Amino acid sequence: MGIGESLSRTRRGLPILLVLYGVASLGHFVHNAEFLADYPNLPVWLTRGQVYGAWLAIQATGALGYLLARAKYQFLGFGVLGVYAAMGLDGLVHYSRAPMAAHTATMNLTIWFEVVAAVLVLCAIAGLSREALRQ
């Protein structure tokens, strides 16, 4: 398989990766919102509604990036999608507040599912951006 075929496959797979990341993010944010008091050392002022609001804002960023990329504003869209995916790495901040061992297995699973999905999107965006720059 040539480089062009691989990048074409990446372009076709991007929506799937974005959905995977969206689902992973939703899982993490729902768990975080519903078990907010159980997450170690989160700010006391943080509310369930704020967690859901943050998730909606993040998803709106992803939707904007995808629409821009599809509307022929490829570089701008890829940039916004890169920011969107990078926000998925923010879940790792949980480990700056408390060690992994202080989180439940479900907490760790939802955090890492979101992080891995975000990294996959970032890799796809990097490859597609490189391809677009070459053209």
C-alpha atoms as a PDB file:
ATOM      1  CA  MET A   1       0.000   0.000   0.000  1.00  0.00           C
ATOM      2  CA  GLY A   2       1.385   3.393  -1.005  1.00  0.00           C
ATOM      3  CA  ILE A   3       1.428   6.580   1.037  1.00  0.00           C
ATOM      4  CA  GLY A   4      -1.427   8.064  -1.020  1.00  0.00           C
ATOM      5  CA  GLU A   5      -3.618   5.032  -0.344  1.00  0.00           C
ATOM      6  CA  SER A   6      -2.842   5.176   3.371  1.00  0.00           C
ATOM      7  CA  LEU A   7      -3.714   8.879   3.610  1.00  0.00           C
ATOM      8  CA  SER A   8      -6.889   8.349   1.606  1.00  0.00           C
ATOM      9  CA  ARG A   9      -7.848   5.663   4.089  1.00  0.00           C
ATOM     10  CA  THR A  10      -7.076   8.111   6.914  1.00  0.00           C
ATOM     11  CA  ARG A  11      -9.337  10.718   5.283  1.00  0.00           C
ATOM     12  CA  ARG A  12     -12.180   8.195   5.061  1.00  0.00           C
ATOM     13  CA  GLY A  13     -11.529   7.028   8.617  1.00  0.00           C
ATOM     14  CA  LEU A  14     -11.441  10.471  10.197  1.00  0.00           C
ATOM     15  CA  PRO A  15     -15.217  10.624  10.828  1.00  0.00           C
ATOM     16  CA  ILE A  16     -15.030   7.216  12.514  1.00  0.00           C
ATOM     17  CA  LEU A  17     -12.156   8.379  14.723  1.00  0.00           C
ATOM     18  CA  LEU A  18     -14.051  11.551  15.583  1.00  0.00           C
ATOM     19  CA  VAL A  19     -17.116   9.535  16.598  1.00  0.00           C
ATOM     20  CA  LEU A  20     -14.926   7.178  18.641  1.00  0.00           C
ATOM     21  CA  TYR A  21     -13.346  10.137  20.423  1.00  0.00           C
ATOM     22  CA  GLY A  22     -16.766  11.741  20.962  1.00  0.00           C
ATOM     23  CA  VAL A  23     -18.089   8.536  22.531  1.00  0.00           C
ATOM     24  CA  ALA A  24     -14.978   8.139  24.683  1.00  0.00           C
ATOM     25  CA  SER A  25     -15.226  11.764  25.781  1.00  0.00           C
ATOM     26  CA  LEU A  26     -18.917  11.393  26.570  1.00  0.00           C
ATOM     27  CA  GLY A  27     -18.196   8.302  28.655  1.00  0.00           C
ATOM     28  CA  HIS A  28     -15.533  10.095  30.644  1.00  0.00           C
ATOM     29  CA  PHE A  29     -17.557  13.266  31.158  1.00  0.00           C
ATOM     30  CA  VAL A  30     -20.746  11.406  32.120  1.00  0.00           C
ATOM     31  CA  HIS A  31     -18.822   9.331  34.639  1.00  0.00           C
ATOM     32  CA  ASN A  32     -17.092  12.447  35.912  1.00  0.00           C
ATOM     33  CA  ALA A  33     -20.364  14.380  36.239  1.00  0.00           C
ATOM     34  CA  GLU A  34     -22.307  11.573  37.880  1.00  0.00           C
ATOM     35  CA  PHE A  35     -19.542  10.589  40.295  1.00  0.00           C
ATOM     36  CA  LEU A  36     -18.037  14.036  40.783  1.00  0.00           C
ATOM     37  CA  ALA A  37     -17.680  13.670  44.541  1.00  0.00           C
ATOM     38  CA  ASP A  38     -15.803  10.385  44.100  1.00  0.00           C
ATOM     39  CA  TYR A  39     -13.068  11.808  41.866  1.00  0.00           C
ATOM     40  CA  PRO A  40     -10.126  12.627  44.119  1.00  0.00           C
ATOM     41  CA  ASN A  41      -9.173  16.258  44.717  1.00  0.00           C
ATOM     42  CA  LEU A  42     -11.417  17.925  42.154  1.00  0.00           C
ATOM     43  CA  PRO A  43     -12.313  21.535  42.955  1.00  0.00           C
ATOM     44  CA  VAL A  44     -15.256  21.755  45.352  1.00  0.00           C
ATOM     45  CA  TRP A  45     -16.898  24.465  43.239  1.00  0.00           C
ATOM     46  CA  LEU A  46     -17.174  22.161  40.210  1.00  0.00           C
ATOM     47  CA  THR A  47     -20.766  21.098  39.488  1.00  0.00           C
ATOM     48  CA  ARG A  48     -22.376  18.368  37.463  1.00  0.00           C
ATOM     49  CA  GLY A  49     -23.847  20.985  35.127  1.00  0.00           C
ATOM     50  CA  GLN A  50     -20.450  22.563  34.552  1.00  0.00           C
ATOM     51  CA  VAL A  51     -19.001  19.199  33.566  1.00  0.00           C
ATOM     52  CA  TYR A  52     -21.777  18.627  31.032  1.00  0.00           C
ATOM     53  CA  GLY A  53     -21.442  22.212  29.794  1.00  0.00           C
ATOM     54  CA  ALA A  54     -17.713  21.734  29.265  1.00  0.00           C
ATOM     55  CA  TRP A  55     -18.386  18.553  27.288  1.00  0.00           C
ATOM     56  CA  LEU A  56     -20.883  20.368  25.053  1.00  0.00           C
ATOM     57  CA  ALA A  57     -18.388  23.187  24.420  1.00  0.00           C
ATOM     58  CA  ILE A  58     -15.668  20.697  23.522  1.00  0.00           C
ATOM     59  CA  GLN A  59     -17.991  18.833  21.146  1.00  0.00           C
ATOM     60  CA  ALA A  60     -19.043  22.112  19.529  1.00  0.00           C
ATOM     61  CA  THR A  61     -15.367  22.793  18.853  1.00  0.00           C
ATOM     62  CA  GLY A  62     -15.023  19.405  17.161  1.00  0.00           C
ATOM     63  CA  ALA A  63     -18.148  19.935  15.072  1.00  0.00           C
ATOM     64  CA  LEU A  64     -16.898  23.355  13.972  1.00  0.00           C
ATOM     65  CA  GLY A  65     -13.519  21.918  12.995  1.00  0.00           C
ATOM     66  CA  TYR A  66     -15.082  19.121  10.991  1.00  0.00           C
ATOM     67  CA  LEU A  67     -17.467  21.477   9.200  1.00  0.00           C
ATOM     68  CA  LEU A  68     -14.635  23.874   8.364  1.00  0.00           C
ATOM     69  CA  ALA A  69     -12.512  21.050   6.969  1.00  0.00           C
ATOM     70  CA  ARG A  70     -15.420  19.775   4.876  1.00  0.00           C
ATOM     71  CA  ALA A  71     -16.257  23.296   3.652  1.00  0.00           C
ATOM     72  CA  LYS A  72     -12.857  23.620   1.964  1.00  0.00           C
ATOM     73  CA  TYR A  73     -11.244  25.491   4.855  1.00  0.00           C
ATOM     74  CA  GLN A  74      -9.049  22.473   5.313  1.00  0.00           C
ATOM     75  CA  PHE A  75      -6.141  23.956   7.269  1.00  0.00           C
ATOM     76  CA  LEU A  76      -8.358  25.971   9.560  1.00  0.00           C
ATOM     77  CA  GLY A  77     -10.572  22.916  10.078  1.00  0.00           C
ATOM     78  CA  PHE A  78      -7.576  20.694  10.812  1.00  0.00           C
ATOM     79  CA  GLY A  79      -6.279  23.298  13.276  1.00  0.00           C
ATOM     80  CA  VAL A  80      -9.602  23.435  15.112  1.00  0.00           C
ATOM     81  CA  LEU A  81      -9.815  19.632  15.080  1.00  0.00           C
ATOM     82  CA  GLY A  82      -6.293  19.503  16.510  1.00  0.00           C
ATOM     83  CA  VAL A  83      -7.382  21.762  19.376  1.00  0.00           C
ATOM     84  CA  TYR A  84     -10.484  19.606  19.838  1.00  0.00           C
ATOM     85  CA  ALA A  85      -8.441  16.425  20.050  1.00  0.00           C
ATOM     86  CA  ALA A  86      -5.836  18.028  22.308  1.00  0.00           C
ATOM     87  CA  MET A  87      -8.621  18.818  24.770  1.00  0.00           C
ATOM     88  CA  GLY A  88      -9.022  15.046  25.134  1.00  0.00           C
ATOM     89  CA  LEU A  89      -5.609  14.918  26.755  1.00  0.00           C
ATOM     90  CA  ASP A  90      -6.902  17.149  29.539  1.00  0.00           C
ATOM     91  CA  GLY A  91      -8.235  14.075  31.304  1.00  0.00           C
ATOM     92  CA  LEU A  92      -4.655  13.352  32.301  1.00  0.00           C
ATOM     93  CA  VAL A  93      -4.924  16.328  34.671  1.00  0.00           C
ATOM     94  CA  HIS A  94      -6.792  13.955  36.991  1.00  0.00           C
ATOM     95  CA  TYR A  95      -3.406  12.336  37.669  1.00  0.00           C
ATOM     96  CA  SER A  96      -1.881  15.642  38.695  1.00  0.00           C
ATOM     97  CA  ARG A  97      -4.553  15.878  41.397  1.00  0.00           C
ATOM     98  CA  ALA A  98      -4.195  12.303  42.620  1.00  0.00           C
ATOM     99  CA  PRO A  99      -2.209   9.238  41.526  1.00  0.00           C
ATOM    100  CA  MET A 100      -3.720   6.643  39.229  1.00  0.00           C
ATOM    101  CA  ALA A 101      -4.099   4.273  42.174  1.00  0.00           C
ATOM    102  CA  ALA A 102      -6.408   6.767  43.900  1.00  0.00           C
ATOM    103  CA  HIS A 103      -8.881   6.491  40.999  1.00  0.00           C
ATOM    104  CA  THR A 104     -11.246   3.577  40.504  1.00  0.00           C
ATOM    105  CA  ALA A 105     -10.821   1.176  37.597  1.00  0.00           C
ATOM    106  CA  THR A 106     -13.790   2.794  35.845  1.00  0.00           C
ATOM    107  CA  MET A 107     -12.325   6.263  36.314  1.00  0.00           C
ATOM    108  CA  ASN A 108      -9.018   5.122  34.832  1.00  0.00           C
ATOM    109  CA  LEU A 109     -10.769   3.329  31.973  1.00  0.00           C
ATOM    110  CA  THR A 110     -12.819   6.365  30.973  1.00  0.00           C
ATOM    111  CA  ILE A 111      -9.811   8.692  31.260  1.00  0.00           C
ATOM    112  CA  TRP A 112      -7.550   6.466  29.170  1.00  0.00           C
ATOM    113  CA  PHE A 113     -10.211   5.628  26.583  1.00  0.00           C
ATOM    114  CA  GLU A 114     -10.659   9.339  25.963  1.00  0.00           C
ATOM    115  CA  VAL A 115      -6.897   9.992  25.861  1.00  0.00           C
ATOM    116  CA  VAL A 116      -6.156   7.164  23.436  1.00  0.00           C
ATOM    117  CA  ALA A 117      -9.039   8.160  21.158  1.00  0.00           C
ATOM    118  CA  ALA A 118      -7.830  11.780  21.210  1.00  0.00           C
ATOM    119  CA  VAL A 119      -4.293  10.695  20.288  1.00  0.00           C
ATOM    120  CA  LEU A 120      -5.660   8.699  17.347  1.00  0.00           C
ATOM    121  CA  VAL A 121      -7.484  11.803  16.099  1.00  0.00           C
ATOM    122  CA  LEU A 122      -4.345  13.908  16.558  1.00  0.00           C
ATOM    123  CA  CYS A 123      -2.303  11.395  14.540  1.00  0.00           C
ATOM    124  CA  ALA A 124      -4.879  11.360  11.752  1.00  0.00           C
ATOM    125  CA  ILE A 125      -5.011  15.170  11.660  1.00  0.00           C
ATOM    126  CA  ALA A 126      -1.203  15.361  11.553  1.00  0.00           C
ATOM    127  CA  GLY A 127      -1.083  12.960   8.605  1.00  0.00           C
ATOM    128  CA  LEU A 128      -3.850  14.738   6.734  1.00  0.00           C
ATOM    129  CA  SER A 129      -2.254  18.134   7.368  1.00  0.00           C
ATOM    130  CA  ARG A 130       1.061  16.870   6.044  1.00  0.00           C
ATOM    131  CA  GLU A 131      -0.703  15.515   2.959  1.00  0.00           C
ATOM    132  CA  ALA A 132      -2.513  18.831   2.384  1.00  0.00           C
ATOM    133  CA  LEU A 133       0.730  20.784   2.700  1.00  0.00           C
ATOM    134  CA  ARG A 134       2.391  18.610   0.050  1.00  0.00           C
ATOM    135  CA  GLN A 135      -0.410  19.272  -2.429  1.00  0.00           C
END
